[in-house]
N, C-alpha and C. Protein backbone atom coordinates (compact mmCIF):
# COMPACT_ATOMS: atom_id res chain seq x y z
N MET A 1 0.95 -1.22 -0.08
CA MET A 1 -0.24 0.04 -0.09
C MET A 1 0.83 1.08 0.05
N THR A 2 0.62 2.19 -0.94
CA THR A 2 1.39 3.31 -0.85
C THR A 2 0.82 4.52 0.00
N ARG A 3 1.48 5.61 0.34
CA ARG A 3 0.83 6.51 1.01
C ARG A 3 -0.11 7.33 0.60
N PRO A 4 0.00 7.70 -1.03
CA PRO A 4 -1.26 8.13 -1.30
C PRO A 4 -2.59 7.54 -1.31
N ILE A 5 -2.47 6.04 -1.44
CA ILE A 5 -3.77 5.00 -1.07
C ILE A 5 -4.46 5.23 0.03
N LEU A 6 -3.17 4.92 1.29
CA LEU A 6 -3.67 5.02 2.34
C LEU A 6 -4.27 6.47 3.01
N ALA A 7 -3.66 7.27 2.35
CA ALA A 7 -4.16 8.75 2.53
C ALA A 7 -5.67 8.96 2.34
N ALA A 8 -5.98 8.36 0.62
CA ALA A 8 -7.09 8.28 0.11
C ALA A 8 -8.21 7.72 1.12
N MET A 9 -7.76 6.20 1.40
CA MET A 9 -8.74 5.29 2.03
C MET A 9 -9.09 6.06 3.62
N ASN A 10 -8.04 6.69 4.05
CA ASN A 10 -8.45 7.38 5.75
C ASN A 10 -9.41 8.56 5.16
N SER A 11 -9.24 8.88 4.32
CA SER A 11 -10.06 10.17 4.07
C SER A 11 -11.60 9.99 3.25
N ARG A 12 -11.92 8.83 3.11
CA ARG A 12 -13.02 8.41 2.47
C ARG A 12 -14.20 8.13 3.66
N ALA A 13 -15.27 8.49 2.98
CA ALA A 13 -16.57 8.06 3.72
C ALA A 13 -16.78 6.79 3.65
N SER A 14 -16.65 6.24 2.28
CA SER A 14 -17.19 4.91 2.08
C SER A 14 -15.94 4.30 0.83
N MET A 15 -16.14 3.21 1.03
CA MET A 15 -15.02 2.61 0.25
C MET A 15 -15.72 1.02 -0.13
N ALA A 16 -15.28 0.82 -1.76
CA ALA A 16 -15.75 -0.43 -2.54
C ALA A 16 -14.56 -1.13 -2.83
N VAL A 17 -15.09 -2.50 -3.26
CA VAL A 17 -14.43 -3.54 -4.17
C VAL A 17 -15.08 -4.08 -4.88
N SER A 18 -14.45 -4.57 -6.27
CA SER A 18 -15.42 -5.30 -7.20
C SER A 18 -15.25 -6.62 -6.78
N ALA A 19 -16.33 -6.95 -6.92
CA ALA A 19 -16.60 -8.82 -6.61
C ALA A 19 -15.57 -9.48 -7.41
N ILE A 20 -14.87 -9.26 -8.49
CA ILE A 20 -13.80 -9.76 -8.82
C ILE A 20 -12.88 -9.85 -8.10
N SER A 21 -12.53 -8.96 -7.41
CA SER A 21 -11.53 -9.09 -6.32
C SER A 21 -11.36 -9.94 -5.41
N CYS A 22 -12.59 -10.20 -5.19
CA CYS A 22 -13.06 -11.48 -4.26
C CYS A 22 -12.66 -12.83 -4.65
N PHE A 23 -13.03 -12.95 -6.04
CA PHE A 23 -12.80 -14.01 -6.94
C PHE A 23 -11.21 -14.22 -6.58
N GLU A 24 -10.29 -13.14 -7.17
CA GLU A 24 -8.97 -13.28 -7.18
C GLU A 24 -8.41 -13.71 -5.91
N VAL A 25 -9.03 -13.20 -4.90
CA VAL A 25 -8.24 -13.42 -3.55
C VAL A 25 -8.39 -14.84 -3.24
N SER A 26 -9.82 -15.11 -3.52
CA SER A 26 -10.32 -16.78 -3.45
C SER A 26 -9.04 -17.73 -4.15
N ILE A 27 -8.72 -17.20 -5.71
CA ILE A 27 -8.30 -18.39 -6.29
C ILE A 27 -6.71 -18.02 -5.72
N LEU A 28 -5.95 -17.02 -5.17
CA LEU A 28 -4.76 -17.08 -4.65
C LEU A 28 -4.52 -17.80 -3.64
N VAL A 29 -5.96 -18.13 -2.67
CA VAL A 29 -5.73 -18.77 -1.61
C VAL A 29 -5.62 -20.21 -2.23
N LYS A 30 -6.52 -20.40 -2.90
CA LYS A 30 -6.42 -21.98 -3.44
C LYS A 30 -5.34 -22.51 -3.94
N GLN A 31 -4.65 -21.29 -4.52
CA GLN A 31 -3.35 -21.74 -5.42
C GLN A 31 -2.08 -21.64 -4.58
N HIS A 32 -2.51 -21.45 -3.16
CA HIS A 32 -1.65 -21.39 -2.21
C HIS A 32 -0.28 -20.37 -2.68
N LYS A 33 -0.96 -19.04 -3.07
CA LYS A 33 -0.08 -17.94 -3.43
C LYS A 33 -0.13 -16.76 -2.44
N LEU A 34 -1.32 -16.82 -1.38
CA LEU A 34 -1.67 -16.21 -0.67
C LEU A 34 -2.31 -16.78 0.53
N GLU A 35 -1.72 -16.36 1.72
CA GLU A 35 -2.13 -17.08 3.00
C GLU A 35 -2.70 -16.17 3.74
N LEU A 36 -3.95 -16.50 4.37
CA LEU A 36 -4.84 -15.70 5.33
C LEU A 36 -4.58 -16.00 6.59
N PRO A 37 -4.96 -14.95 7.64
CA PRO A 37 -5.14 -15.51 9.00
C PRO A 37 -6.27 -16.28 9.08
N LEU A 38 -7.16 -16.25 8.55
CA LEU A 38 -8.50 -16.92 8.80
C LEU A 38 -8.83 -17.90 7.13
N PRO A 39 -9.67 -18.85 7.17
CA PRO A 39 -10.24 -19.42 5.86
C PRO A 39 -11.18 -18.20 5.35
N VAL A 40 -10.63 -18.35 3.55
CA VAL A 40 -11.08 -17.34 2.95
C VAL A 40 -12.44 -16.87 3.06
N GLY A 41 -13.32 -17.65 3.44
CA GLY A 41 -14.89 -17.04 3.26
C GLY A 41 -14.85 -16.15 4.59
N GLU A 42 -14.34 -16.69 5.68
CA GLU A 42 -14.45 -15.75 6.87
C GLU A 42 -13.70 -14.42 6.47
N TRP A 43 -12.28 -14.56 6.24
CA TRP A 43 -11.70 -13.33 5.76
C TRP A 43 -12.34 -12.44 5.12
N LEU A 44 -12.79 -12.84 3.93
CA LEU A 44 -13.67 -12.11 2.95
C LEU A 44 -14.84 -11.43 4.13
N GLN A 45 -15.33 -12.40 4.64
CA GLN A 45 -16.65 -11.66 5.52
C GLN A 45 -16.13 -10.55 6.31
N GLU A 46 -14.93 -10.65 7.36
CA GLU A 46 -14.68 -9.67 8.19
C GLU A 46 -13.83 -8.60 7.08
N ALA A 47 -13.17 -9.01 6.02
CA ALA A 47 -12.59 -7.74 5.13
C ALA A 47 -13.65 -6.80 4.93
N LEU A 48 -14.76 -7.12 4.23
CA LEU A 48 -16.01 -6.73 3.91
C LEU A 48 -16.93 -6.07 4.80
N PHE A 49 -17.72 -6.87 5.38
CA PHE A 49 -18.76 -6.30 6.25
C PHE A 49 -18.39 -5.95 7.69
N GLY A 50 -17.36 -6.53 8.10
CA GLY A 50 -16.77 -6.35 9.36
C GLY A 50 -15.98 -4.86 9.24
N SER A 51 -15.56 -4.35 7.93
CA SER A 51 -14.91 -3.14 7.80
C SER A 51 -15.85 -2.04 7.01
N GLY A 52 -16.92 -2.63 6.64
CA GLY A 52 -17.90 -1.79 6.20
C GLY A 52 -17.19 -1.45 4.54
N VAL A 53 -16.75 -2.23 3.80
CA VAL A 53 -16.54 -1.80 2.78
C VAL A 53 -17.32 -2.81 1.67
N GLU A 54 -18.31 -1.87 0.51
CA GLU A 54 -19.20 -2.48 -0.15
C GLU A 54 -18.34 -3.34 -1.04
N CYS A 55 -19.06 -4.44 -1.47
CA CYS A 55 -18.90 -5.36 -2.72
C CYS A 55 -19.63 -4.99 -3.79
N LEU A 56 -19.01 -4.45 -4.87
CA LEU A 56 -20.03 -3.94 -5.89
C LEU A 56 -19.87 -5.30 -6.98
N PRO A 57 -20.85 -5.69 -7.40
CA PRO A 57 -21.35 -6.71 -8.18
C PRO A 57 -20.82 -6.22 -9.76
N VAL A 58 -20.45 -7.68 -10.23
CA VAL A 58 -20.14 -7.44 -11.92
C VAL A 58 -21.24 -7.42 -12.66
N THR A 59 -21.81 -6.41 -12.97
CA THR A 59 -23.04 -6.46 -13.91
C THR A 59 -22.70 -6.18 -15.46
N CYS A 60 -23.74 -6.54 -16.02
CA CYS A 60 -23.75 -6.58 -17.83
C CYS A 60 -23.18 -5.26 -18.44
N GLU A 61 -23.26 -4.29 -17.86
CA GLU A 61 -22.82 -2.74 -18.24
C GLU A 61 -21.27 -2.92 -17.90
N ILE A 62 -20.87 -3.20 -16.54
CA ILE A 62 -19.24 -3.63 -16.19
C ILE A 62 -18.81 -4.31 -17.33
N SER A 63 -19.38 -5.43 -17.25
CA SER A 63 -18.81 -6.37 -18.32
C SER A 63 -18.61 -5.71 -19.77
N ARG A 64 -19.69 -4.91 -20.26
CA ARG A 64 -19.50 -4.47 -21.58
C ARG A 64 -18.48 -3.62 -21.56
N LEU A 65 -18.32 -2.26 -20.45
CA LEU A 65 -17.29 -1.47 -20.41
C LEU A 65 -15.85 -2.22 -20.47
N SER A 66 -15.85 -3.33 -19.75
CA SER A 66 -14.49 -4.09 -19.62
C SER A 66 -13.96 -4.47 -21.07
N VAL A 67 -14.76 -4.82 -21.39
CA VAL A 67 -14.40 -5.30 -23.17
C VAL A 67 -14.27 -4.25 -24.14
N ALA A 68 -14.98 -3.13 -23.61
CA ALA A 68 -14.57 -1.61 -24.52
C ALA A 68 -13.49 -1.11 -24.51
N LEU A 69 -12.72 -1.17 -23.01
CA LEU A 69 -11.44 -0.57 -22.78
C LEU A 69 -10.40 -0.92 -24.01
N GLN A 70 -9.53 -0.24 -24.13
CA GLN A 70 -8.32 -0.52 -25.38
C GLN A 70 -7.54 -1.43 -24.59
N ASP A 71 -7.09 -2.45 -25.52
CA ASP A 71 -6.40 -3.42 -24.91
C ASP A 71 -4.97 -3.27 -24.63
N ILE A 72 -4.82 -2.44 -23.21
CA ILE A 72 -3.47 -2.36 -22.52
C ILE A 72 -3.13 -3.49 -21.76
N HIS A 73 -4.08 -3.48 -21.16
CA HIS A 73 -4.17 -4.69 -20.17
C HIS A 73 -4.71 -6.06 -20.37
N LYS A 74 -4.14 -7.03 -20.63
CA LYS A 74 -4.59 -8.62 -20.88
C LYS A 74 -5.38 -9.23 -19.78
N ASP A 75 -5.41 -8.81 -18.61
CA ASP A 75 -5.96 -9.45 -17.38
C ASP A 75 -7.38 -8.99 -17.34
N PRO A 76 -8.35 -10.19 -17.77
CA PRO A 76 -10.02 -9.57 -17.69
C PRO A 76 -10.44 -9.10 -16.37
N ALA A 77 -9.86 -9.89 -15.47
CA ALA A 77 -10.21 -9.17 -14.06
C ALA A 77 -9.50 -7.86 -13.68
N ASP A 78 -8.65 -7.33 -14.29
CA ASP A 78 -8.26 -6.06 -14.01
C ASP A 78 -9.08 -5.05 -14.76
N ARG A 79 -9.17 -5.49 -15.87
CA ARG A 79 -10.26 -4.67 -16.87
C ARG A 79 -11.42 -4.51 -16.38
N ILE A 80 -12.24 -5.46 -15.54
CA ILE A 80 -13.27 -5.34 -14.71
C ILE A 80 -13.26 -4.72 -13.69
N ILE A 81 -12.06 -4.75 -12.79
CA ILE A 81 -11.85 -3.45 -11.76
C ILE A 81 -11.75 -2.41 -12.33
N ILE A 82 -11.31 -1.74 -13.45
CA ILE A 82 -11.14 -0.75 -14.16
C ILE A 82 -12.50 -0.30 -14.43
N ALA A 83 -13.14 -1.01 -15.21
CA ALA A 83 -14.74 -0.88 -15.52
C ALA A 83 -15.59 -0.50 -14.61
N THR A 84 -15.40 -1.08 -13.29
CA THR A 84 -16.19 -0.91 -12.31
C THR A 84 -15.95 0.44 -11.82
N ALA A 85 -14.66 0.71 -11.58
CA ALA A 85 -14.55 2.16 -11.31
C ALA A 85 -15.12 3.29 -12.25
N LEU A 86 -15.16 3.15 -13.59
CA LEU A 86 -15.77 4.07 -14.44
C LEU A 86 -17.31 3.89 -14.28
N ALA A 87 -18.01 2.62 -14.13
CA ALA A 87 -19.29 2.38 -14.18
C ALA A 87 -19.75 3.01 -13.01
N HIS A 88 -19.11 3.49 -11.63
CA HIS A 88 -19.56 3.77 -10.41
C HIS A 88 -18.99 5.18 -10.37
N ASP A 89 -18.35 5.85 -11.17
CA ASP A 89 -17.65 7.14 -11.12
C ASP A 89 -16.93 7.30 -10.00
N ALA A 90 -16.36 6.40 -10.06
CA ALA A 90 -15.31 6.39 -8.66
C ALA A 90 -14.07 6.21 -8.61
N GLN A 91 -13.21 6.65 -7.77
CA GLN A 91 -11.72 6.66 -7.93
C GLN A 91 -11.48 5.45 -7.61
N LEU A 92 -10.00 5.26 -8.01
CA LEU A 92 -9.62 3.81 -8.18
C LEU A 92 -8.39 3.85 -7.67
N ALA A 93 -8.27 3.05 -6.48
CA ALA A 93 -6.66 2.72 -5.78
C ALA A 93 -5.82 1.46 -6.28
N SER A 94 -5.00 1.62 -7.18
CA SER A 94 -4.27 0.23 -7.36
C SER A 94 -2.81 0.61 -7.51
N VAL A 95 -2.01 -0.31 -7.58
CA VAL A 95 -0.51 -0.39 -7.39
C VAL A 95 0.06 -0.85 -8.82
N ASP A 96 -1.01 -1.43 -9.65
CA ASP A 96 -0.79 -2.03 -11.02
C ASP A 96 -0.01 -0.67 -11.58
N SER A 97 1.15 -1.23 -12.31
CA SER A 97 1.84 -0.53 -13.03
C SER A 97 1.32 -0.19 -14.76
N VAL A 98 0.10 -0.96 -14.66
CA VAL A 98 -0.20 -0.68 -16.28
C VAL A 98 -1.51 0.09 -16.21
N PHE A 99 -2.14 0.25 -14.98
CA PHE A 99 -3.40 1.20 -14.88
C PHE A 99 -3.16 2.67 -15.40
N PRO A 100 -2.29 3.41 -15.05
CA PRO A 100 -1.99 4.78 -15.61
C PRO A 100 -1.88 4.86 -16.89
N ALA A 101 -1.69 3.84 -18.02
CA ALA A 101 -1.97 3.72 -19.21
C ALA A 101 -3.18 3.82 -19.86
N TYR A 102 -4.29 3.71 -18.91
CA TYR A 102 -5.91 4.25 -19.40
C TYR A 102 -6.10 5.28 -19.44
N PRO A 103 -6.38 6.02 -20.55
CA PRO A 103 -6.71 7.24 -20.30
C PRO A 103 -8.11 7.85 -19.81
N GLU A 104 -9.11 6.56 -19.88
CA GLU A 104 -10.29 6.64 -19.11
C GLU A 104 -10.03 6.85 -17.66
N LEU A 105 -8.98 6.50 -16.90
CA LEU A 105 -8.49 6.74 -15.24
C LEU A 105 -7.95 7.87 -15.28
N ALA A 106 -7.60 8.93 -16.19
CA ALA A 106 -7.31 9.98 -15.93
C ALA A 106 -8.11 10.85 -14.91
N GLY A 107 -7.43 11.56 -13.78
CA GLY A 107 -8.16 12.20 -12.63
C GLY A 107 -8.58 11.30 -11.66
N ARG A 108 -8.69 9.77 -11.80
CA ARG A 108 -9.45 9.13 -11.15
C ARG A 108 -8.73 7.89 -10.26
N LEU A 109 -7.47 7.75 -10.75
CA LEU A 109 -6.18 6.85 -10.19
C LEU A 109 -5.64 7.38 -9.31
N ILE A 110 -5.52 6.68 -7.82
CA ILE A 110 -4.84 6.95 -6.77
C ILE A 110 -3.92 5.80 -7.13
N ALA A 111 -2.63 6.35 -7.44
CA ALA A 111 -1.88 5.25 -7.31
C ALA A 111 0.03 5.41 -6.37
N ARG A 112 0.88 5.20 -7.06
CA ARG A 112 1.93 5.38 -6.49
C ARG A 112 2.20 6.59 -5.96
């Protein structure tokens, strides 16, 4: 987590994540690439509902927007994360080095 991201998180009244991020965490745990202090279901419950972070569903509009993005990022999950921010007119916090290349994220990306 970078200082700009932490500062933004501390100054926001509300925060949300895309449901695809929950999918990614679950996959990483299953592949033993991520270790959590709790079983993944409990961890997600605590990380989301225990902290007041909203989980935004992947809608048809978000799916459409993710496909309409320029082919800068090849990871479909990351494209869905970007499209979620666009669909909700939200700022996006990410350390992904490819995200700044998306002109659609100008003025809404909180990064390094």
